[in-house]
Protein backbone atom coordinates (compact mmCIF):
# COMPACT_ATOMS: atom_id res chain seq x y z
CA MET A 1 -11.02 31.33 -14.51
CA ALA A 2 -12.68 28.11 -14.75
CA LYS A 3 -10.55 24.35 -14.45
CA THR A 4 -9.35 23.56 -17.91
CA THR A 5 -7.92 20.51 -19.41
CA TRP A 6 -4.08 20.83 -20.50
CA ASN A 7 -2.38 18.50 -22.87
CA VAL A 8 1.26 18.03 -22.00
CA ASP A 9 3.57 18.82 -25.13
CA THR A 10 6.03 16.21 -24.46
CA ALA A 11 8.30 17.55 -27.17
CA HIS A 12 8.94 20.67 -25.04
CA SER A 13 8.76 19.23 -21.55
CA GLU A 14 11.10 17.16 -19.76
CA VAL A 15 11.42 14.94 -16.69
CA GLY A 16 14.94 14.20 -15.53
CA PHE A 17 17.06 13.47 -12.44
CA THR A 18 20.29 14.16 -10.78
CA VAL A 19 21.97 11.27 -8.63
CA LYS A 20 25.52 11.25 -6.82
CA HIS A 21 27.89 8.96 -8.33
CA MET A 22 31.21 7.47 -6.80
CA MET A 23 30.56 9.99 -3.81
CA ILE A 24 32.28 12.55 -6.32
CA SER A 25 30.23 13.60 -9.44
CA LYS A 26 26.70 13.42 -10.79
CA VAL A 27 24.56 11.45 -13.22
CA LYS A 28 21.68 13.29 -14.98
CA GLY A 29 19.14 11.30 -16.70
CA THR A 30 15.69 11.69 -18.26
CA PHE A 31 12.50 9.73 -18.89
CA ASN A 32 11.61 10.07 -22.30
CA ASP A 33 8.33 8.90 -22.19
CA PHE A 34 5.76 10.49 -20.15
CA SER A 35 2.51 11.65 -19.96
CA ALA A 36 0.18 13.48 -17.84
CA VAL A 37 -3.55 14.56 -16.91
CA ILE A 38 -3.60 18.12 -16.03
CA GLU A 39 -7.15 19.75 -15.02
CA ALA A 40 -6.15 23.44 -13.66
CA ASP A 41 -7.26 26.92 -13.18
CA VAL A 42 -3.75 27.99 -13.99
CA GLU A 43 -4.60 31.67 -11.99
CA ASP A 44 -5.06 29.15 -9.01
CA LEU A 45 -3.76 25.61 -8.80
CA THR A 46 -4.88 24.76 -5.36
CA ASP A 47 -8.05 22.99 -7.03
CA SER A 48 -6.03 21.45 -9.62
CA ASN A 49 -6.07 17.52 -10.47
CA VAL A 50 -2.84 16.18 -11.47
CA GLU A 51 -1.67 13.07 -12.76
CA VAL A 52 1.55 11.99 -14.21
CA THR A 53 2.81 8.42 -15.66
CA ILE A 54 6.14 7.68 -16.45
CA ASP A 55 7.52 4.66 -18.66
CA ALA A 56 9.85 3.55 -16.68
CA ALA A 57 11.52 1.62 -19.43
CA SER A 58 12.27 5.06 -21.22
CA ILE A 59 14.99 6.00 -18.62
CA ASP A 60 18.12 7.49 -20.64
CA THR A 61 21.15 8.04 -18.63
CA ARG A 62 23.32 8.52 -22.06
CA GLN A 63 24.95 5.16 -21.40
CA GLU A 64 23.19 2.09 -22.93
CA GLY A 65 24.69 -0.55 -20.24
CA ARG A 66 23.71 1.82 -17.19
CA ASP A 67 20.04 2.17 -18.29
CA ASP A 68 19.88 -1.65 -19.04
CA HIS A 69 21.25 -2.16 -15.47
CA LEU A 70 18.54 0.50 -14.07
CA ARG A 71 15.77 -1.32 -15.76
CA GLY A 72 16.66 -4.56 -14.29
CA GLU A 73 15.66 -6.08 -11.22
CA ASP A 74 18.09 -4.14 -9.27
CA PHE A 75 16.61 -1.01 -9.99
CA PHE A 76 12.89 -0.39 -11.35
CA ASP A 77 12.37 -3.98 -12.80
CA VAL A 78 10.00 -2.96 -15.91
CA GLU A 79 9.20 -6.05 -16.78
CA LYS A 80 7.32 -6.39 -13.22
CA TYR A 81 6.85 -2.51 -12.77
CA PRO A 82 6.49 -0.51 -15.96
CA LYS A 83 4.96 2.75 -14.82
CA ILE A 84 5.95 5.27 -12.47
CA THR A 85 2.99 7.29 -11.05
CA PHE A 86 2.41 10.58 -9.43
CA VAL A 87 -1.54 11.62 -8.03
CA ALA A 88 -1.72 14.84 -6.56
CA THR A 89 -3.59 14.80 -3.47
CA ASP A 90 -3.23 18.29 -1.86
CA ILE A 91 -2.35 21.48 -3.46
CA LYS A 92 -1.18 24.55 -1.30
CA LYS A 93 -0.01 28.17 -2.66
CA LYS A 94 3.24 29.03 -0.85
CA SER A 95 3.66 32.57 -2.76
CA GLY A 96 2.92 34.10 -5.52
CA ASN A 97 3.12 31.60 -8.77
CA ASN A 98 5.00 28.92 -6.40
CA TYR A 99 3.17 26.17 -5.04
CA ASP A 100 3.63 22.60 -3.06
CA VAL A 101 2.13 19.85 -4.65
CA THR A 102 1.66 16.81 -2.39
CA GLY A 103 0.48 13.56 -3.78
CA ASP A 104 1.24 9.79 -3.98
CA LEU A 105 4.48 8.64 -6.02
CA THR A 106 4.68 4.86 -7.07
CA ILE A 107 7.69 3.32 -7.99
CA LYS A 108 8.16 -0.29 -8.46
CA GLY A 109 5.02 -1.05 -6.38
CA THR A 110 5.68 1.52 -3.58
CA THR A 111 3.51 4.33 -2.58
CA LYS A 112 4.88 7.34 -0.64
CA PRO A 113 3.67 10.69 -0.35
CA VAL A 114 5.91 13.48 -1.65
CA THR A 115 5.68 16.92 -1.79
CA VAL A 116 6.97 18.92 -5.11
CA ASP A 117 7.77 22.46 -5.42
CA VAL A 118 5.98 23.62 -8.16
CA VAL A 119 6.39 27.17 -10.01
CA TYR A 120 3.35 28.15 -12.55
CA GLU A 121 5.74 30.24 -15.23
CA GLY A 122 3.08 31.72 -17.04
CA GLN A 123 0.91 31.27 -20.27
CA SER A 124 1.18 32.47 -23.73
CA LYS A 125 -0.58 32.06 -27.35
CA ASP A 126 1.40 29.91 -29.50
CA PRO A 127 2.06 31.95 -32.69
CA MET A 128 2.10 28.62 -35.00
CA SER A 129 -1.32 26.85 -33.69
CA GLY A 130 -2.81 30.06 -31.93
CA ASN A 131 -3.40 27.88 -28.97
CA ILE A 132 -3.10 28.81 -25.27
CA VAL A 133 0.18 27.17 -23.87
CA ALA A 134 1.18 27.03 -19.91
CA GLY A 135 4.37 26.28 -18.35
CA PHE A 136 5.13 24.81 -14.94
CA SER A 137 8.77 24.02 -13.34
CA ALA A 138 8.91 21.16 -10.56
CA ASP A 139 11.58 19.87 -8.26
CA THR A 140 11.63 17.31 -5.37
CA THR A 141 14.21 15.43 -4.07
CA ILE A 142 13.35 11.46 -2.90
CA ASN A 143 15.23 8.73 -1.15
CA ARG A 144 15.12 5.94 -3.44
CA LYS A 145 15.74 3.40 -0.72
CA GLU A 146 12.20 4.31 0.38
CA PHE A 147 10.98 2.96 -3.39
CA GLY A 148 12.74 -0.21 -2.67
CA LEU A 149 15.70 0.80 -5.15
CA THR A 150 18.25 -0.49 -2.83
CA TRP A 151 21.46 -2.06 -5.34
CA ASN A 152 25.22 -0.38 -4.22
CA ALA A 153 28.08 -1.24 -4.56
CA PRO A 154 31.25 -0.22 -2.48
CA VAL A 155 33.81 2.46 -4.07
CA GLU A 156 37.70 1.87 -3.44
CA THR A 157 38.18 5.22 -1.83
CA GLY A 158 35.29 4.70 0.50
CA GLY A 159 31.29 5.30 0.38
CA VAL A 160 29.04 4.14 -2.54
CA LEU A 161 28.71 4.00 -6.37
CA VAL A 162 25.17 5.57 -6.34
CA GLY A 163 23.93 8.05 -3.91
CA GLU A 164 20.67 7.61 -2.00
CA ASP A 165 18.99 11.00 -2.62
CA ILE A 166 17.70 11.58 -6.07
CA LYS A 167 16.75 15.00 -7.28
CA VAL A 168 13.87 15.46 -9.55
CA HIS A 169 13.26 18.12 -12.00
CA ALA A 170 10.40 18.60 -14.45
CA GLU A 171 10.19 21.23 -17.29
CA ILE A 172 6.36 21.06 -18.45
CA GLU A 173 4.66 23.07 -21.61
CA ALA A 174 1.07 22.14 -21.62
CA HIS A 175 -1.59 23.15 -23.98
CA LYS A 176 -5.23 23.95 -23.44
CA ALA A 177 -7.47 21.53 -24.51
CA GLU A 178 -9.89 22.88 -27.44
């Protein structure tokens, strides 16, 4: 199969994260506005082109005050750095439909290499449109401090308010371009 362009269906896709809160629980959130350019042969992703762009201001943790703080200078500083981007630079097949996708992740003006565990979930024909649809799951963990997201506050019982490690997860549904 040849390399094909796939358009992300954001209504059926999600980019989310989990972070430790107060050392005892976890807060989850999503980015509601994102896009991706995917050029791939889904039977062999090793020669794919993948670029993801996230609107940092679209962060949503279901608490307006926290979201406003995350948009501000202490964290994403969305006025100065409105986009988070990931551009794949190397894709290696691990086994079956599992891949290591390494790329340049840019957050708040800092770019670092990150490897994402990607699973090609398969493809199906959409009964409504007749179009071919492919599914992908992606997971990685990043240290937020490496990207300049260093704000924190101590908690009374010891430790800090916000954990350093951020677990990032994405579920992507992409439609084959006509």
